[in-house]
C-alpha atoms as a PDB file:
ATOM      1  CA  MET A   1      -8.121 -32.049  24.967  1.00  0.00           C
ATOM      2  CA  ASN A   2      -5.855 -31.524  22.000  1.00  0.00           C
ATOM      3  CA  VAL A   3      -5.831 -28.016  20.563  1.00  0.00           C
ATOM      4  CA  ILE A   4      -5.552 -27.889  16.805  1.00  0.00           C
ATOM      5  CA  GLN A   5      -3.234 -25.068  15.840  1.00  0.00           C
ATOM      6  CA  LYS A   6      -4.087 -23.174  12.686  1.00  0.00           C
ATOM      7  CA  PRO A   7      -1.204 -23.093  10.209  1.00  0.00           C
ATOM      8  CA  PRO A   8       0.399 -19.686   9.678  1.00  0.00           C
ATOM      9  CA  LEU A   9      -0.948 -17.444   6.969  1.00  0.00           C
ATOM     10  CA  ILE A  10       0.997 -17.566   3.725  1.00  0.00           C
ATOM     11  CA  LEU A  11       0.945 -14.297   1.811  1.00  0.00           C
ATOM     12  CA  HIS A  12       2.502 -13.449  -1.529  1.00  0.00           C
ATOM     13  CA  MET A  13       3.503  -9.779  -1.807  1.00  0.00           C
ATOM     14  CA  PHE A  14       3.533  -8.336  -5.320  1.00  0.00           C
ATOM     15  CA  HIS A  15       5.862  -5.337  -5.675  1.00  0.00           C
ATOM     16  CA  THR A  16       7.234  -3.073  -8.374  1.00  0.00           C
ATOM     17  CA  ALA A  17       9.980  -1.676  -6.098  1.00  0.00           C
ATOM     18  CA  PRO A  18      12.673  -3.976  -4.605  1.00  0.00           C
ATOM     19  CA  ALA A  19      12.996  -1.851  -1.446  1.00  0.00           C
ATOM     20  CA  LEU A  20       9.530  -2.929  -0.318  1.00  0.00           C
ATOM     21  CA  VAL A  21      10.627  -6.501   0.284  1.00  0.00           C
ATOM     22  CA  ALA A  22      12.481  -5.477   3.451  1.00  0.00           C
ATOM     23  CA  VAL A  23       9.669  -3.105   4.494  1.00  0.00           C
ATOM     24  CA  PHE A  24       7.076  -5.870   4.578  1.00  0.00           C
ATOM     25  CA  ASP A  25       9.421  -8.476   6.023  1.00  0.00           C
ATOM     26  CA  GLU A  26       9.992  -6.108   8.963  1.00  0.00           C
ATOM     27  CA  LEU A  27       6.252  -5.439   9.345  1.00  0.00           C
ATOM     28  CA  ALA A  28       5.498  -9.150   9.337  1.00  0.00           C
ATOM     29  CA  ASN A  29       8.146  -9.830  11.990  1.00  0.00           C
ATOM     30  CA  GLU A  30       6.728  -7.057  14.157  1.00  0.00           C
ATOM     31  CA  ILE A  31       3.002  -7.572  13.741  1.00  0.00           C
ATOM     32  CA  ALA A  32       2.599 -11.261  12.947  1.00  0.00           C
ATOM     33  CA  PRO A  33       5.557 -13.457  13.903  1.00  0.00           C
ATOM     34  CA  GLY A  34       5.224 -16.792  12.158  1.00  0.00           C
ATOM     35  CA  LEU A  35       3.539 -15.337   9.104  1.00  0.00           C
ATOM     36  CA  VAL A  36       5.050 -16.660   5.879  1.00  0.00           C
ATOM     37  CA  LEU A  37       5.770 -14.093   3.166  1.00  0.00           C
ATOM     38  CA  PHE A  38       6.815 -14.647  -0.404  1.00  0.00           C
ATOM     39  CA  HIS A  39       7.728 -11.774  -2.704  1.00  0.00           C
ATOM     40  CA  THR A  40       7.556 -11.062  -6.407  1.00  0.00           C
ATOM     41  CA  VAL A  41       9.207  -7.888  -7.726  1.00  0.00           C
ATOM     42  CA  ARG A  42       8.148  -6.706 -11.175  1.00  0.00           C
ATOM     43  CA  GLU A  43       9.949  -3.417 -11.767  1.00  0.00           C
ATOM     44  CA  ASP A  44       9.211  -3.781 -15.462  1.00  0.00           C
ATOM     45  CA  LEU A  45       5.489  -3.184 -14.964  1.00  0.00           C
ATOM     46  CA  LEU A  46       5.990   0.179 -13.274  1.00  0.00           C
ATOM     47  CA  ARG A  47       8.698   1.115 -15.753  1.00  0.00           C
ATOM     48  CA  LYS A  48       6.343   0.364 -18.638  1.00  0.00           C
ATOM     49  CA  ALA A  49       3.543   2.399 -17.054  1.00  0.00           C
ATOM     50  CA  VAL A  50       5.901   5.352 -16.611  1.00  0.00           C
ATOM     51  CA  GLU A  51       7.085   5.080 -20.217  1.00  0.00           C
ATOM     52  CA  LEU A  52       3.492   5.082 -21.463  1.00  0.00           C
ATOM     53  CA  GLY A  53       2.402   7.906 -19.157  1.00  0.00           C
ATOM     54  CA  GLY A  54       0.078   5.694 -17.151  1.00  0.00           C
ATOM     55  CA  ALA A  55      -1.064   2.165 -16.458  1.00  0.00           C
ATOM     56  CA  THR A  56      -2.667   1.326 -19.792  1.00  0.00           C
ATOM     57  CA  SER A  57      -5.090  -1.566 -20.226  1.00  0.00           C
ATOM     58  CA  ASP A  58      -2.232  -3.738 -21.501  1.00  0.00           C
ATOM     59  CA  VAL A  59      -0.118  -2.989 -18.430  1.00  0.00           C
ATOM     60  CA  ILE A  60      -3.036  -3.649 -16.108  1.00  0.00           C
ATOM     61  CA  GLU A  61      -3.908  -6.939 -17.788  1.00  0.00           C
ATOM     62  CA  ALA A  62      -0.274  -8.088 -17.712  1.00  0.00           C
ATOM     63  CA  ALA A  63      -0.086  -7.219 -14.015  1.00  0.00           C
ATOM     64  CA  ALA A  64      -3.377  -8.978 -13.270  1.00  0.00           C
ATOM     65  CA  GLU A  65      -2.181 -12.110 -15.035  1.00  0.00           C
ATOM     66  CA  ALA A  66       1.099 -12.012 -13.112  1.00  0.00           C
ATOM     67  CA  MET A  67      -0.801 -11.736  -9.820  1.00  0.00           C
ATOM     68  CA  ARG A  68      -3.080 -14.641 -10.739  1.00  0.00           C
ATOM     69  CA  ALA A  69       0.024 -16.716 -11.420  1.00  0.00           C
ATOM     70  CA  GLU A  70       1.092 -16.311  -7.785  1.00  0.00           C
ATOM     71  CA  LEU A  71      -2.155 -17.821  -6.449  1.00  0.00           C
ATOM     72  CA  ARG A  72      -0.514 -21.177  -5.977  1.00  0.00           C
ATOM     73  CA  PRO A  73      -1.894 -23.910  -3.684  1.00  0.00           C
ATOM     74  CA  GLY A  74      -1.369 -22.974  -0.048  1.00  0.00           C
ATOM     75  CA  VAL A  75      -1.132 -19.234  -0.647  1.00  0.00           C
ATOM     76  CA  ASP A  76      -3.835 -17.456   1.349  1.00  0.00           C
ATOM     77  CA  ALA A  77      -3.698 -14.190  -0.597  1.00  0.00           C
ATOM     78  CA  VAL A  78      -1.704 -12.055  -2.985  1.00  0.00           C
ATOM     79  CA  ILE A  79      -1.224  -8.434  -1.940  1.00  0.00           C
ATOM     80  CA  CYS A  80      -0.331  -5.765  -4.495  1.00  0.00           C
ATOM     81  CA  THR A  81       1.826  -3.016  -2.984  1.00  0.00           C
ATOM     82  CA  CYS A  82       1.969  -0.760  -6.064  1.00  0.00           C
ATOM     83  CA  SER A  83      -0.741   1.895  -6.411  1.00  0.00           C
ATOM     84  CA  THR A  84      -0.010   2.523 -10.084  1.00  0.00           C
ATOM     85  CA  ILE A  85      -1.159  -0.994 -10.980  1.00  0.00           C
ATOM     86  CA  GLY A  86      -3.670  -1.317  -8.142  1.00  0.00           C
ATOM     87  CA  ALA A  87      -6.560  -1.781 -10.568  1.00  0.00           C
ATOM     88  CA  ALA A  88      -4.911  -5.030 -11.688  1.00  0.00           C
ATOM     89  CA  ALA A  89      -5.385  -6.442  -8.191  1.00  0.00           C
ATOM     90  CA  ASP A  90      -9.104  -5.675  -8.373  1.00  0.00           C
ATOM     91  CA  ILE A  91      -9.333  -7.439 -11.746  1.00  0.00           C
ATOM     92  CA  ALA A  92      -7.390 -10.474 -10.535  1.00  0.00           C
ATOM     93  CA  ASN A  93      -9.479 -10.631  -7.376  1.00  0.00           C
ATOM     94  CA  SER A  94     -12.783 -10.556  -9.242  1.00  0.00           C
ATOM     95  CA  GLY A  95     -12.018 -13.802 -11.038  1.00  0.00           C
ATOM     96  CA  SER A  96     -10.276 -15.692  -8.262  1.00  0.00           C
ATOM     97  CA  HIS A  97     -11.298 -17.990  -5.409  1.00  0.00           C
ATOM     98  CA  GLN A  98      -8.370 -16.627  -3.383  1.00  0.00           C
ATOM     99  CA  PRO A  99      -8.107 -12.963  -2.368  1.00  0.00           C
ATOM    100  CA  VAL A 100      -5.972 -10.537  -4.346  1.00  0.00           C
ATOM    101  CA  LEU A 101      -5.792  -7.380  -2.252  1.00  0.00           C
ATOM    102  CA  ARG A 102      -4.576  -3.814  -2.671  1.00  0.00           C
ATOM    103  CA  ILE A 103      -2.272  -2.513   0.041  1.00  0.00           C
ATOM    104  CA  ASP A 104      -3.609   1.039  -0.476  1.00  0.00           C
ATOM    105  CA  ARG A 105      -7.344   0.353  -0.085  1.00  0.00           C
ATOM    106  CA  PRO A 106      -7.433   0.362   3.760  1.00  0.00           C
ATOM    107  CA  MET A 107      -5.491   3.640   3.712  1.00  0.00           C
ATOM    108  CA  ALA A 108      -7.973   5.151   1.257  1.00  0.00           C
ATOM    109  CA  ARG A 109     -10.889   3.965   3.378  1.00  0.00           C
ATOM    110  CA  GLU A 110      -9.355   5.473   6.506  1.00  0.00           C
ATOM    111  CA  SER A 111      -8.562   8.792   4.825  1.00  0.00           C
ATOM    112  CA  VAL A 112     -12.114   9.538   3.649  1.00  0.00           C
ATOM    113  CA  ARG A 113     -13.853   8.849   6.955  1.00  0.00           C
ATOM    114  CA  SER A 114     -13.745  12.384   8.308  1.00  0.00           C
ATOM    115  CA  ALA A 115     -11.451  14.515   6.149  1.00  0.00           C
ATOM    116  CA  ASP A 116     -12.875  17.482   4.244  1.00  0.00           C
ATOM    117  CA  ARG A 117      -9.683  17.984   2.264  1.00  0.00           C
ATOM    118  CA  ILE A 118      -7.280  15.238   1.212  1.00  0.00           C
ATOM    119  CA  LEU A 119      -3.955  15.904  -0.467  1.00  0.00           C
ATOM    120  CA  VAL A 120      -2.334  13.020  -2.338  1.00  0.00           C
ATOM    121  CA  LEU A 121       1.452  13.054  -2.623  1.00  0.00           C
ATOM    122  CA  ALA A 122       3.418  10.936  -5.083  1.00  0.00           C
ATOM    123  CA  THR A 123       6.844  10.954  -6.648  1.00  0.00           C
ATOM    124  CA  VAL A 124       5.640   9.215  -9.818  1.00  0.00           C
ATOM    125  CA  VAL A 125       2.884  10.911 -11.823  1.00  0.00           C
ATOM    126  CA  THR A 126       1.405   7.565 -12.905  1.00  0.00           C
ATOM    127  CA  THR A 127       0.406   6.923  -9.293  1.00  0.00           C
ATOM    128  CA  ILE A 128      -1.855   9.958  -8.998  1.00  0.00           C
ATOM    129  CA  ALA A 129      -4.832   8.953 -11.163  1.00  0.00           C
ATOM    130  CA  PRO A 130      -5.306   5.460  -9.684  1.00  0.00           C
ATOM    131  CA  SER A 131      -4.856   6.772  -6.146  1.00  0.00           C
ATOM    132  CA  VAL A 132      -7.396   9.559  -6.627  1.00  0.00           C
ATOM    133  CA  ALA A 133      -9.819   7.118  -8.282  1.00  0.00           C
ATOM    134  CA  LEU A 134      -9.534   4.782  -5.299  1.00  0.00           C
ATOM    135  CA  LEU A 135     -10.115   7.631  -2.838  1.00  0.00           C
ATOM    136  CA  GLU A 136     -13.171   8.783  -4.775  1.00  0.00           C
ATOM    137  CA  ALA A 137     -14.584   5.255  -4.829  1.00  0.00           C
ATOM    138  CA  GLU A 138     -14.091   4.818  -1.087  1.00  0.00           C
ATOM    139  CA  ALA A 139     -15.575   8.268  -0.433  1.00  0.00           C
ATOM    140  CA  ARG A 140     -18.724   7.324  -2.359  1.00  0.00           C
ATOM    141  CA  LYS A 141     -19.039   4.111  -0.340  1.00  0.00           C
ATOM    142  CA  ALA A 142     -18.721   6.113   2.877  1.00  0.00           C
ATOM    143  CA  GLY A 143     -21.178   8.786   1.771  1.00  0.00           C
ATOM    144  CA  GLN A 144     -18.468  11.436   1.964  1.00  0.00           C
ATOM    145  CA  ASN A 145     -17.524  14.167  -0.494  1.00  0.00           C
ATOM    146  CA  PRO A 146     -14.031  15.406   0.376  1.00  0.00           C
ATOM    147  CA  VAL A 147     -11.985  17.721  -1.806  1.00  0.00           C
ATOM    148  CA  ILE A 148      -9.155  15.601  -3.216  1.00  0.00           C
ATOM    149  CA  GLU A 149      -6.079  17.299  -4.631  1.00  0.00           C
ATOM    150  CA  SER A 150      -2.689  15.954  -5.619  1.00  0.00           C
ATOM    151  CA  ILE A 151       0.966  16.949  -5.920  1.00  0.00           C
ATOM    152  CA  VAL A 152       3.816  15.143  -7.672  1.00  0.00           C
ATOM    153  CA  LEU A 153       7.182  15.587  -5.971  1.00  0.00           C
ATOM    154  CA  ASP A 154       9.316  15.774  -9.106  1.00  0.00           C
ATOM    155  CA  LYS A 155      12.431  16.818  -7.198  1.00  0.00           C
ATOM    156  CA  ALA A 156      12.215  13.727  -5.002  1.00  0.00           C
ATOM    157  CA  ARG A 157      11.769  11.449  -8.006  1.00  0.00           C
ATOM    158  CA  ALA A 158      14.837  12.909  -9.727  1.00  0.00           C
ATOM    159  CA  LEU A 159      16.912  12.290  -6.601  1.00  0.00           C
ATOM    160  CA  PHE A 160      15.643   8.736  -6.354  1.00  0.00           C
ATOM    161  CA  LEU A 161      16.655   8.012  -9.926  1.00  0.00           C
ATOM    162  CA  THR A 162      20.187   9.224  -9.250  1.00  0.00           C
ATOM    163  CA  GLY A 163      20.506   6.929  -6.229  1.00  0.00           C
ATOM    164  CA  ALA A 164      20.668   9.797  -3.731  1.00  0.00           C
ATOM    165  CA  THR A 165      18.504   7.989  -1.178  1.00  0.00           C
ATOM    166  CA  GLU A 166      19.083  10.297   1.776  1.00  0.00           C
ATOM    167  CA  ASP A 167      18.378  13.406  -0.292  1.00  0.00           C
ATOM    168  CA  TYR A 168      15.320  11.673  -1.752  1.00  0.00           C
ATOM    169  CA  LEU A 169      13.898  10.972   1.710  1.00  0.00           C
ATOM    170  CA  ASP A 170      14.606  14.548   2.790  1.00  0.00           C
ATOM    171  CA  ALA A 171      12.759  15.851  -0.287  1.00  0.00           C
ATOM    172  CA  VAL A 172       9.760  13.631   0.436  1.00  0.00           C
ATOM    173  CA  ALA A 173       9.736  14.784   4.060  1.00  0.00           C
ATOM    174  CA  GLU A 174       9.805  18.412   2.937  1.00  0.00           C
ATOM    175  CA  GLY A 175       6.904  17.716   0.607  1.00  0.00           C
ATOM    176  CA  ILE A 176       4.898  16.120   3.408  1.00  0.00           C
ATOM    177  CA  SER A 177       5.482  19.064   5.746  1.00  0.00           C
ATOM    178  CA  ALA A 178       4.405  21.563   3.087  1.00  0.00           C
ATOM    179  CA  ALA A 179       1.337  19.535   2.089  1.00  0.00           C
ATOM    180  CA  ALA A 180       0.199  19.222   5.687  1.00  0.00           C
ATOM    181  CA  LEU A 181      -0.337  22.987   5.840  1.00  0.00           C
ATOM    182  CA  ASN A 182      -3.238  22.780   3.383  1.00  0.00           C
ATOM    183  CA  ALA A 183      -5.036  19.523   4.125  1.00  0.00           C
ATOM    184  CA  ASP A 184      -6.806  17.528   6.815  1.00  0.00           C
ATOM    185  CA  VAL A 185      -5.175  14.308   5.622  1.00  0.00           C
ATOM    186  CA  VAL A 186      -2.043  13.795   3.540  1.00  0.00           C
ATOM    187  CA  VAL A 187      -2.008  10.486   1.675  1.00  0.00           C
ATOM    188  CA  LEU A 188       1.351   9.103   0.574  1.00  0.00           C
ATOM    189  CA  ALA A 189       0.371   7.339  -2.629  1.00  0.00           C
ATOM    190  CA  GLN A 190       3.452   5.121  -2.835  1.00  0.00           C
ATOM    191  CA  ALA A 191       4.363   2.624  -0.139  1.00  0.00           C
ATOM    192  CA  SER A 192       8.047   3.465  -0.577  1.00  0.00           C
ATOM    193  CA  MET A 193       7.428   7.030   0.611  1.00  0.00           C
ATOM    194  CA  ALA A 194       6.692   5.838   4.154  1.00  0.00           C
ATOM    195  CA  ALA A 195      10.429   5.665   4.892  1.00  0.00           C
ATOM    196  CA  ALA A 196      10.504   9.481   4.933  1.00  0.00           C
ATOM    197  CA  LEU A 197       8.046   9.823   7.813  1.00  0.00           C
ATOM    198  CA  PRO A 198      10.643   9.705  10.631  1.00  0.00           C
ATOM    199  CA  ARG A 199      12.149  12.844   9.076  1.00  0.00           C
ATOM    200  CA  VAL A 200       8.907  14.802   9.306  1.00  0.00           C
ATOM    201  CA  GLY A 201       8.260  16.951  12.356  1.00  0.00           C
ATOM    202  CA  LYS A 202       4.886  17.521  13.960  1.00  0.00           C
ATOM    203  CA  THR A 203       2.215  18.419  11.425  1.00  0.00           C
ATOM    204  CA  GLY A 204      -1.297  19.793  11.646  1.00  0.00           C
ATOM    205  CA  ALA A 205      -2.655  17.079   9.362  1.00  0.00           C
ATOM    206  CA  ARG A 206      -2.779  13.318   9.588  1.00  0.00           C
ATOM    207  CA  VAL A 207      -0.273  11.644   7.305  1.00  0.00           C
ATOM    208  CA  LEU A 208      -1.344   8.206   6.121  1.00  0.00           C
ATOM    209  CA  THR A 209       0.866   5.611   4.465  1.00  0.00           C
ATOM    210  CA  SER A 210      -0.147   2.265   3.054  1.00  0.00           C
ATOM    211  CA  PRO A 211       2.354  -0.305   4.370  1.00  0.00           C
ATOM    212  CA  ARG A 212       1.209  -0.640   7.998  1.00  0.00           C
ATOM    213  CA  ILE A 213      -2.457   0.310   7.511  1.00  0.00           C
ATOM    214  CA  GLY A 214      -2.787  -1.884   4.450  1.00  0.00           C
ATOM    215  CA  PHE A 215      -0.931  -4.841   5.924  1.00  0.00           C
ATOM    216  CA  ILE A 216      -3.045  -4.852   9.067  1.00  0.00           C
ATOM    217  CA  GLY A 217      -6.171  -4.349   6.947  1.00  0.00           C
ATOM    218  CA  ALA A 218      -5.295  -7.414   4.882  1.00  0.00           C
ATOM    219  CA  LEU A 219      -4.646  -9.496   7.978  1.00  0.00           C
ATOM    220  CA  GLU A 220      -7.988  -8.439   9.461  1.00  0.00           C
ATOM    221  CA  ILE A 221      -9.719  -9.741   6.324  1.00  0.00           C
ATOM    222  CA  LEU A 222      -7.784 -13.006   6.242  1.00  0.00           C
ATOM    223  CA  ALA A 223      -7.843 -13.759   9.980  1.00  0.00           C
ATOM    224  CA  PRO A 224     -10.674 -11.802  11.625  1.00  0.00           C
ATOM    225  CA  GLY A 225     -10.750 -11.644  15.394  1.00  0.00           C
ATOM    226  CA  VAL A 226      -6.979 -11.404  15.822  1.00  0.00           C
ATOM    227  CA  SER A 227      -5.530  -8.355  17.564  1.00  0.00           C
ATOM    228  CA  TRP A 228      -3.177  -7.399  14.760  1.00  0.00           C
ATOM    229  CA  GLU A 229      -2.655  -3.869  16.080  1.00  0.00           C
ATOM    230  CA  THR A 230      -0.539  -5.236  18.896  1.00  0.00           C
ATOM    231  CA  ARG A 231       3.167  -5.940  18.541  1.00  0.00           C
ATOM    232  CA  GLY A 232       5.180  -9.135  18.376  1.00  0.00           C
ATOM    233  CA  GLU A 233       4.594 -11.472  21.283  1.00  0.00           C
ATOM    234  CA  ASN A 234       1.499  -9.504  22.324  1.00  0.00           C
ATOM    235  CA  VAL A 235      -0.452 -10.647  19.276  1.00  0.00           C
ATOM    236  CA  THR A 236      -3.515 -12.683  20.221  1.00  0.00           C
ATOM    237  CA  SER A 237      -3.752 -15.875  18.223  1.00  0.00           C
ATOM    238  CA  PRO A 238      -7.099 -17.101  16.827  1.00  0.00           C
ATOM    239  CA  SER A 239      -7.024 -20.118  19.120  1.00  0.00           C
ATOM    240  CA  GLU A 240      -6.843 -18.187  22.370  1.00  0.00           C
END
C-alpha cells in the first residue's frame, strides 16, 4: 500500500528584529526538520511604535496589513514574533482563512496557569502594555487572577542600541536574576531576550520565553498529534 506523505509545513515568520531570523531557523532545524520557513523583517514598524510611545492604531493596522500580505498560496500560517505589534496578528487572523498567530500567546497561557505573581521584563517600554494585556486576557480565560507587574530594563536597551551585544545580554541576565527574587514566573516579553538565558544561574522562579514555547505551540495548532517536544530525528511524523 502506498503511503501518502504530507508535504512539510510552510510558515512565514514576521519579525521586527533581524536577529530573530537565525533564532527561528535554529529552532526549526532542531524541532521540525523539513519545515519550510520564510521570514519578513519590518524593523520600521517597531521603530515607529517606539517613536510614538506605543503601537498606535495606525501602526497596528499597517502591521496587520503587512501580515495579511504574507498569506500567499501554500503558506500554512504567518507567525508574528514581536509582542509590541502582537495585536496586529489578532486582527489579521480574525479576517483570514489562514492562521496568523502570535508567538507570545502560548507563553502567556503557560504563565498564568498556576502563578500568583508574574513579573514581565522588557527592554522596550512599548512591549509592556501589549504583553500585560495578553497575560490578563489569558488569565481571564483560565479563571486565574495573578498579580502582574512589569519592569523595563533601560540599561539593557541602551547597550543594545550601542551595539554592545555581550554587555546587553549580561544586563538582561542580571535583570532576570533580580526579577526572579520577587515572582513565581518571570516572563521575557521580547523574543530576542531569550539569548540571555544561558547567562542566568539557578533561580527560584520559572523564566518563560516565547521562541520555543510559542513555536511549539504554533506547530501543535497546525499539525496536532505530532510530538513536537522531541528533538530532531526523534520527532514523530503525522503518518506514523
